[in-house]
Amino acid sequence: MTNWRVDRRSIVKIYTKRGDGGETDLFGGERVGKEHARVDAYGAVDELNACLGQAAATTSHADLREISQTIQGLLFDLGGYLATPSAERREKGGVPQPETSDIENLERHIDALETELEPLKRFILPGGTQAAAAFHLARTVCRRAERRTVTLHRDEPLSAEALGYLNRLSDLFFVMARVENARAKLPDVEWIGRDR
């Protein structure tokens, strides 16, 4: 992970009052409304990161916690990428973006964890253990972050890897939720629908 962040020796004040009028600064100095699609996208990624932090704090499994914490760092980088509209600025500032290898790592985790699971026959309801429910919540917030990022991409093209990463990430969270229940010996609750 590239260290593109602010020099830690500088003191950053928590409040600046610059956003009181409904605008915020992007990396590079441009100011936009807080409802801007770019702010919406990186805000959803930030929310996802917080949900994943909750899931990581809830799980008792070191492997799932380690996967989660690694992803949290990558999500922070993704937020920086989304907050920097200028490719030139991203390059100059060393702002990283998701790479194909990041997506492949997610796929490796999915494939490895799925060996612990029975094949799905029906849709399942989110829930089970607290940790499983937390990973299901992260999955749904990830889908929202993906939708917001796709919306931004329609007007301001982003890398294919940024979109692919969020798409694959929600799949991983689904598998992690199922693994939490499987390790707790709790069966997934299948959705059977109402009789018509």
C-alpha atoms as a PDB file:
ATOM      1  CA  MET A   1       0.000   0.000   0.000  1.00  0.00           C
ATOM      2  CA  THR A   2       1.477   3.342  -1.019  1.00  0.00           C
ATOM      3  CA  ASN A   3       1.773   5.947   1.734  1.00  0.00           C
ATOM      4  CA  TRP A   4       0.153   8.960   0.079  1.00  0.00           C
ATOM      5  CA  ARG A   5      -1.285  10.493   3.214  1.00  0.00           C
ATOM      6  CA  VAL A   6      -0.515  13.855   4.824  1.00  0.00           C
ATOM      7  CA  ASP A   7       2.778  14.186   6.672  1.00  0.00           C
ATOM      8  CA  ARG A   8       1.984  12.860  10.151  1.00  0.00           C
ATOM      9  CA  ARG A   9       4.114  15.549  11.778  1.00  0.00           C
ATOM     10  CA  SER A  10       1.695  18.244  10.646  1.00  0.00           C
ATOM     11  CA  ILE A  11      -1.179  18.998  12.982  1.00  0.00           C
ATOM     12  CA  VAL A  12      -4.585  18.635  11.364  1.00  0.00           C
ATOM     13  CA  LYS A  13      -7.467  20.388  13.057  1.00  0.00           C
ATOM     14  CA  ILE A  14     -10.654  18.309  13.317  1.00  0.00           C
ATOM     15  CA  TYR A  15     -12.960  21.167  12.379  1.00  0.00           C
ATOM     16  CA  THR A  16     -12.326  23.810   9.750  1.00  0.00           C
ATOM     17  CA  LYS A  17     -15.825  25.339   9.321  1.00  0.00           C
ATOM     18  CA  ARG A  18     -15.210  25.321   5.550  1.00  0.00           C
ATOM     19  CA  GLY A  19     -18.036  22.840   5.013  1.00  0.00           C
ATOM     20  CA  ASP A  20     -20.682  24.765   6.903  1.00  0.00           C
ATOM     21  CA  GLY A  21     -22.137  26.106   3.663  1.00  0.00           C
ATOM     22  CA  GLY A  22     -22.650  22.654   2.153  1.00  0.00           C
ATOM     23  CA  GLU A  23     -19.433  22.393   0.118  1.00  0.00           C
ATOM     24  CA  THR A  24     -16.267  20.356   0.587  1.00  0.00           C
ATOM     25  CA  ASP A  25     -12.756  20.187  -0.847  1.00  0.00           C
ATOM     26  CA  LEU A  26     -11.650  17.422  -3.178  1.00  0.00           C
ATOM     27  CA  PHE A  27      -7.987  16.420  -3.335  1.00  0.00           C
ATOM     28  CA  GLY A  28      -6.496  18.981  -5.661  1.00  0.00           C
ATOM     29  CA  GLY A  29      -8.391  21.961  -4.251  1.00  0.00           C
ATOM     30  CA  GLU A  30     -11.638  21.881  -6.226  1.00  0.00           C
ATOM     31  CA  ARG A  31     -14.718  22.631  -4.116  1.00  0.00           C
ATOM     32  CA  VAL A  32     -17.987  20.845  -4.782  1.00  0.00           C
ATOM     33  CA  GLY A  33     -21.347  20.483  -3.093  1.00  0.00           C
ATOM     34  CA  LYS A  34     -21.577  17.718  -0.520  1.00  0.00           C
ATOM     35  CA  GLU A  35     -24.321  16.131  -2.618  1.00  0.00           C
ATOM     36  CA  HIS A  36     -21.954  15.795  -5.621  1.00  0.00           C
ATOM     37  CA  ALA A  37     -21.748  12.269  -7.073  1.00  0.00           C
ATOM     38  CA  ARG A  38     -18.035  12.101  -6.274  1.00  0.00           C
ATOM     39  CA  VAL A  39     -18.624  12.948  -2.599  1.00  0.00           C
ATOM     40  CA  ASP A  40     -21.515  10.477  -2.527  1.00  0.00           C
ATOM     41  CA  ALA A  41     -19.239   7.731  -3.892  1.00  0.00           C
ATOM     42  CA  TYR A  42     -16.321   8.208  -1.523  1.00  0.00           C
ATOM     43  CA  GLY A  43     -18.739   8.813   1.360  1.00  0.00           C
ATOM     44  CA  ALA A  44     -20.358   5.435   0.717  1.00  0.00           C
ATOM     45  CA  VAL A  45     -16.908   3.811   0.635  1.00  0.00           C
ATOM     46  CA  ASP A  46     -16.130   5.469   3.976  1.00  0.00           C
ATOM     47  CA  GLU A  47     -19.397   4.136   5.400  1.00  0.00           C
ATOM     48  CA  LEU A  48     -18.487   0.693   4.091  1.00  0.00           C
ATOM     49  CA  ASN A  49     -15.109   0.941   5.823  1.00  0.00           C
ATOM     50  CA  ALA A  50     -16.847   1.705   9.127  1.00  0.00           C
ATOM     51  CA  CYS A  51     -19.212  -1.271   8.674  1.00  0.00           C
ATOM     52  CA  LEU A  52     -16.260  -3.516   7.937  1.00  0.00           C
ATOM     53  CA  GLY A  53     -14.531  -2.219  11.074  1.00  0.00           C
ATOM     54  CA  GLN A  54     -17.594  -3.307  13.040  1.00  0.00           C
ATOM     55  CA  ALA A  55     -17.501  -6.764  11.448  1.00  0.00           C
ATOM     56  CA  ALA A  56     -13.761  -7.084  12.139  1.00  0.00           C
ATOM     57  CA  ALA A  57     -14.323  -6.106  15.780  1.00  0.00           C
ATOM     58  CA  THR A  58     -17.133  -8.651  16.099  1.00  0.00           C
ATOM     59  CA  THR A  59     -15.511 -11.737  14.573  1.00  0.00           C
ATOM     60  CA  SER A  60     -13.583 -14.141  16.794  1.00  0.00           C
ATOM     61  CA  HIS A  61     -11.699 -15.596  13.814  1.00  0.00           C
ATOM     62  CA  ALA A  62      -8.192 -14.214  13.278  1.00  0.00           C
ATOM     63  CA  ASP A  63      -8.167 -15.035   9.546  1.00  0.00           C
ATOM     64  CA  LEU A  64     -11.393 -13.114   8.878  1.00  0.00           C
ATOM     65  CA  ARG A  65     -10.210 -10.199  11.005  1.00  0.00           C
ATOM     66  CA  GLU A  66      -6.904 -10.058   9.110  1.00  0.00           C
ATOM     67  CA  ILE A  67      -8.674 -10.123   5.734  1.00  0.00           C
ATOM     68  CA  SER A  68     -11.004  -7.354   6.931  1.00  0.00           C
ATOM     69  CA  GLN A  69      -8.224  -5.112   8.190  1.00  0.00           C
ATOM     70  CA  THR A  70      -6.262  -5.464   4.950  1.00  0.00           C
ATOM     71  CA  ILE A  71      -9.382  -4.522   2.989  1.00  0.00           C
ATOM     72  CA  GLN A  72      -9.959  -1.510   5.246  1.00  0.00           C
ATOM     73  CA  GLY A  73      -6.608  -0.074   4.166  1.00  0.00           C
ATOM     74  CA  LEU A  74      -7.476  -0.643   0.512  1.00  0.00           C
ATOM     75  CA  LEU A  75     -10.886   0.995   0.997  1.00  0.00           C
ATOM     76  CA  PHE A  76      -9.171   4.042   2.483  1.00  0.00           C
ATOM     77  CA  ASP A  77      -6.998   4.194  -0.633  1.00  0.00           C
ATOM     78  CA  LEU A  78     -10.071   3.780  -2.837  1.00  0.00           C
ATOM     79  CA  GLY A  79     -11.720   6.714  -1.052  1.00  0.00           C
ATOM     80  CA  GLY A  80      -8.664   8.830  -1.828  1.00  0.00           C
ATOM     81  CA  TYR A  81      -8.803   7.760  -5.471  1.00  0.00           C
ATOM     82  CA  LEU A  82     -12.489   8.700  -5.690  1.00  0.00           C
ATOM     83  CA  ALA A  83     -11.834  12.039  -3.962  1.00  0.00           C
ATOM     84  CA  THR A  84      -9.175  12.998  -6.526  1.00  0.00           C
ATOM     85  CA  PRO A  85     -10.737  13.797  -9.912  1.00  0.00           C
ATOM     86  CA  SER A  86      -7.488  14.658 -11.679  1.00  0.00           C
ATOM     87  CA  ALA A  87      -5.414  11.732 -12.957  1.00  0.00           C
ATOM     88  CA  GLU A  88      -2.414  14.073 -13.034  1.00  0.00           C
ATOM     89  CA  ARG A  89      -2.986  14.989  -9.385  1.00  0.00           C
ATOM     90  CA  ARG A  90      -3.358  11.306  -8.425  1.00  0.00           C
ATOM     91  CA  GLU A  91      -0.074  10.482 -10.122  1.00  0.00           C
ATOM     92  CA  LYS A  92       1.752  13.468  -8.652  1.00  0.00           C
ATOM     93  CA  GLY A  93       0.435  12.744  -5.157  1.00  0.00           C
ATOM     94  CA  GLY A  94       1.002   8.991  -5.379  1.00  0.00           C
ATOM     95  CA  VAL A  95      -2.696   8.291  -4.786  1.00  0.00           C
ATOM     96  CA  PRO A  96      -3.155   4.547  -5.343  1.00  0.00           C
ATOM     97  CA  GLN A  97      -6.092   2.937  -7.081  1.00  0.00           C
ATOM     98  CA  PRO A  98      -7.280  -0.675  -7.069  1.00  0.00           C
ATOM     99  CA  GLU A  99      -5.259  -3.031  -9.242  1.00  0.00           C
ATOM    100  CA  THR A 100      -6.110  -6.302 -10.938  1.00  0.00           C
ATOM    101  CA  SER A 101      -4.056  -8.099  -8.284  1.00  0.00           C
ATOM    102  CA  ASP A 102      -6.349  -6.678  -5.567  1.00  0.00           C
ATOM    103  CA  ILE A 103      -9.374  -8.204  -7.279  1.00  0.00           C
ATOM    104  CA  GLU A 104      -7.524 -11.498  -7.708  1.00  0.00           C
ATOM    105  CA  ASN A 105      -6.734 -11.520  -3.978  1.00  0.00           C
ATOM    106  CA  LEU A 106     -10.448 -11.177  -3.208  1.00  0.00           C
ATOM    107  CA  GLU A 107     -11.181 -14.097  -5.525  1.00  0.00           C
ATOM    108  CA  ARG A 108      -8.528 -16.214  -3.790  1.00  0.00           C
ATOM    109  CA  HIS A 109     -10.134 -15.506  -0.419  1.00  0.00           C
ATOM    110  CA  ILE A 110     -13.582 -16.370  -1.789  1.00  0.00           C
ATOM    111  CA  ASP A 111     -12.355 -19.660  -3.292  1.00  0.00           C
ATOM    112  CA  ALA A 112     -10.514 -20.668  -0.106  1.00  0.00           C
ATOM    113  CA  LEU A 113     -13.397 -19.825   2.236  1.00  0.00           C
ATOM    114  CA  GLU A 114     -16.004 -21.521   0.053  1.00  0.00           C
ATOM    115  CA  THR A 115     -14.314 -24.880   0.704  1.00  0.00           C
ATOM    116  CA  GLU A 116     -15.849 -24.665   4.203  1.00  0.00           C
ATOM    117  CA  LEU A 117     -19.406 -24.206   2.912  1.00  0.00           C
ATOM    118  CA  GLU A 118     -22.199 -26.358   1.610  1.00  0.00           C
ATOM    119  CA  PRO A 119     -23.424 -25.294  -1.845  1.00  0.00           C
ATOM    120  CA  LEU A 120     -26.367 -22.898  -1.822  1.00  0.00           C
ATOM    121  CA  LYS A 121     -29.708 -24.251  -3.005  1.00  0.00           C
ATOM    122  CA  ARG A 122     -31.878 -21.224  -2.192  1.00  0.00           C
ATOM    123  CA  PHE A 123     -31.527 -17.559  -1.313  1.00  0.00           C
ATOM    124  CA  ILE A 124     -30.647 -17.015   2.351  1.00  0.00           C
ATOM    125  CA  LEU A 125     -31.735 -14.401   4.834  1.00  0.00           C
ATOM    126  CA  PRO A 126     -29.052 -12.203   6.403  1.00  0.00           C
ATOM    127  CA  GLY A 127     -28.397 -13.046  10.028  1.00  0.00           C
ATOM    128  CA  GLY A 128     -27.100 -15.790  12.268  1.00  0.00           C
ATOM    129  CA  THR A 129     -24.264 -14.841  14.583  1.00  0.00           C
ATOM    130  CA  GLN A 130     -23.524 -11.198  15.361  1.00  0.00           C
ATOM    131  CA  ALA A 131     -20.427 -11.374  13.179  1.00  0.00           C
ATOM    132  CA  ALA A 132     -22.334 -12.978  10.292  1.00  0.00           C
ATOM    133  CA  ALA A 133     -24.963 -10.236  10.504  1.00  0.00           C
ATOM    134  CA  ALA A 134     -22.191  -7.607  10.513  1.00  0.00           C
ATOM    135  CA  PHE A 135     -20.636  -9.073   7.351  1.00  0.00           C
ATOM    136  CA  HIS A 136     -24.078  -9.175   5.700  1.00  0.00           C
ATOM    137  CA  LEU A 137     -24.517  -5.495   6.565  1.00  0.00           C
ATOM    138  CA  ALA A 138     -21.089  -4.745   5.088  1.00  0.00           C
ATOM    139  CA  ARG A 139     -22.175  -6.613   1.941  1.00  0.00           C
ATOM    140  CA  THR A 140     -25.265  -4.447   1.469  1.00  0.00           C
ATOM    141  CA  VAL A 141     -23.376  -1.206   2.155  1.00  0.00           C
ATOM    142  CA  CYS A 142     -20.744  -2.406  -0.337  1.00  0.00           C
ATOM    143  CA  ARG A 143     -23.463  -2.784  -2.974  1.00  0.00           C
ATOM    144  CA  ARG A 144     -24.574   0.784  -2.268  1.00  0.00           C
ATOM    145  CA  ALA A 145     -20.997   2.041  -2.547  1.00  0.00           C
ATOM    146  CA  GLU A 146     -20.757   0.210  -5.864  1.00  0.00           C
ATOM    147  CA  ARG A 147     -23.967   1.833  -7.138  1.00  0.00           C
ATOM    148  CA  ARG A 148     -22.747   5.301  -6.117  1.00  0.00           C
ATOM    149  CA  THR A 149     -19.391   4.660  -7.801  1.00  0.00           C
ATOM    150  CA  VAL A 150     -21.095   3.471 -10.988  1.00  0.00           C
ATOM    151  CA  THR A 151     -23.213   6.647 -10.978  1.00  0.00           C
ATOM    152  CA  LEU A 152     -20.043   8.746 -10.779  1.00  0.00           C
ATOM    153  CA  HIS A 153     -18.427   6.593 -13.494  1.00  0.00           C
ATOM    154  CA  ARG A 154     -21.250   7.430 -15.929  1.00  0.00           C
ATOM    155  CA  ASP A 155     -20.192  11.105 -15.931  1.00  0.00           C
ATOM    156  CA  GLU A 156     -16.537  10.905 -14.926  1.00  0.00           C
ATOM    157  CA  PRO A 157     -14.982   7.607 -16.065  1.00  0.00           C
ATOM    158  CA  LEU A 158     -13.150   5.613 -13.407  1.00  0.00           C
ATOM    159  CA  SER A 159     -10.851   2.632 -13.702  1.00  0.00           C
ATOM    160  CA  ALA A 160     -12.388  -0.759 -14.449  1.00  0.00           C
ATOM    161  CA  GLU A 161     -10.505  -2.072 -11.420  1.00  0.00           C
ATOM    162  CA  ALA A 162     -12.261   0.369  -9.066  1.00  0.00           C
ATOM    163  CA  LEU A 163     -15.647  -0.904 -10.212  1.00  0.00           C
ATOM    164  CA  GLY A 164     -14.579  -4.548 -10.282  1.00  0.00           C
ATOM    165  CA  TYR A 165     -13.078  -4.355  -6.806  1.00  0.00           C
ATOM    166  CA  LEU A 166     -16.337  -3.249  -5.182  1.00  0.00           C
ATOM    167  CA  ASN A 167     -18.318  -5.830  -7.143  1.00  0.00           C
ATOM    168  CA  ARG A 168     -16.083  -8.691  -6.015  1.00  0.00           C
ATOM    169  CA  LEU A 169     -15.824  -7.354  -2.476  1.00  0.00           C
ATOM    170  CA  SER A 170     -19.541  -7.748  -1.814  1.00  0.00           C
ATOM    171  CA  ASP A 171     -19.249 -11.381  -2.924  1.00  0.00           C
ATOM    172  CA  LEU A 172     -16.464 -11.912  -0.384  1.00  0.00           C
ATOM    173  CA  PHE A 173     -18.536 -10.418   2.435  1.00  0.00           C
ATOM    174  CA  PHE A 174     -21.397 -12.770   1.577  1.00  0.00           C
ATOM    175  CA  VAL A 175     -19.041 -15.737   1.841  1.00  0.00           C
ATOM    176  CA  MET A 176     -17.494 -14.422   5.069  1.00  0.00           C
ATOM    177  CA  ALA A 177     -20.977 -14.123   6.612  1.00  0.00           C
ATOM    178  CA  ARG A 178     -21.736 -17.717   5.672  1.00  0.00           C
ATOM    179  CA  VAL A 179     -18.394 -18.893   7.039  1.00  0.00           C
ATOM    180  CA  GLU A 180     -19.140 -17.191  10.370  1.00  0.00           C
ATOM    181  CA  ASN A 181     -22.355 -19.187  10.652  1.00  0.00           C
ATOM    182  CA  ALA A 182     -20.780 -22.433   9.447  1.00  0.00           C
ATOM    183  CA  ARG A 183     -17.988 -22.207  12.014  1.00  0.00           C
ATOM    184  CA  ALA A 184     -20.610 -21.548  14.714  1.00  0.00           C
ATOM    185  CA  LYS A 185     -22.511 -24.623  13.446  1.00  0.00           C
ATOM    186  CA  LEU A 186     -25.525 -22.449  12.626  1.00  0.00           C
ATOM    187  CA  PRO A 187     -27.283 -23.280   9.366  1.00  0.00           C
ATOM    188  CA  ASP A 188     -28.081 -20.456   6.972  1.00  0.00           C
ATOM    189  CA  VAL A 189     -31.755 -19.504   7.118  1.00  0.00           C
ATOM    190  CA  GLU A 190     -33.190 -20.153   3.666  1.00  0.00           C
ATOM    191  CA  TRP A 191     -35.771 -17.838   2.182  1.00  0.00           C
ATOM    192  CA  ILE A 192     -38.720 -19.920   1.107  1.00  0.00           C
ATOM    193  CA  GLY A 193     -41.199 -17.154   0.261  1.00  0.00           C
ATOM    194  CA  ARG A 194     -44.905 -17.131   0.928  1.00  0.00           C
ATOM    195  CA  ASP A 195     -47.313 -19.590  -0.553  1.00  0.00           C
ATOM    196  CA  ARG A 196     -49.091 -18.019  -3.500  1.00  0.00           C
END
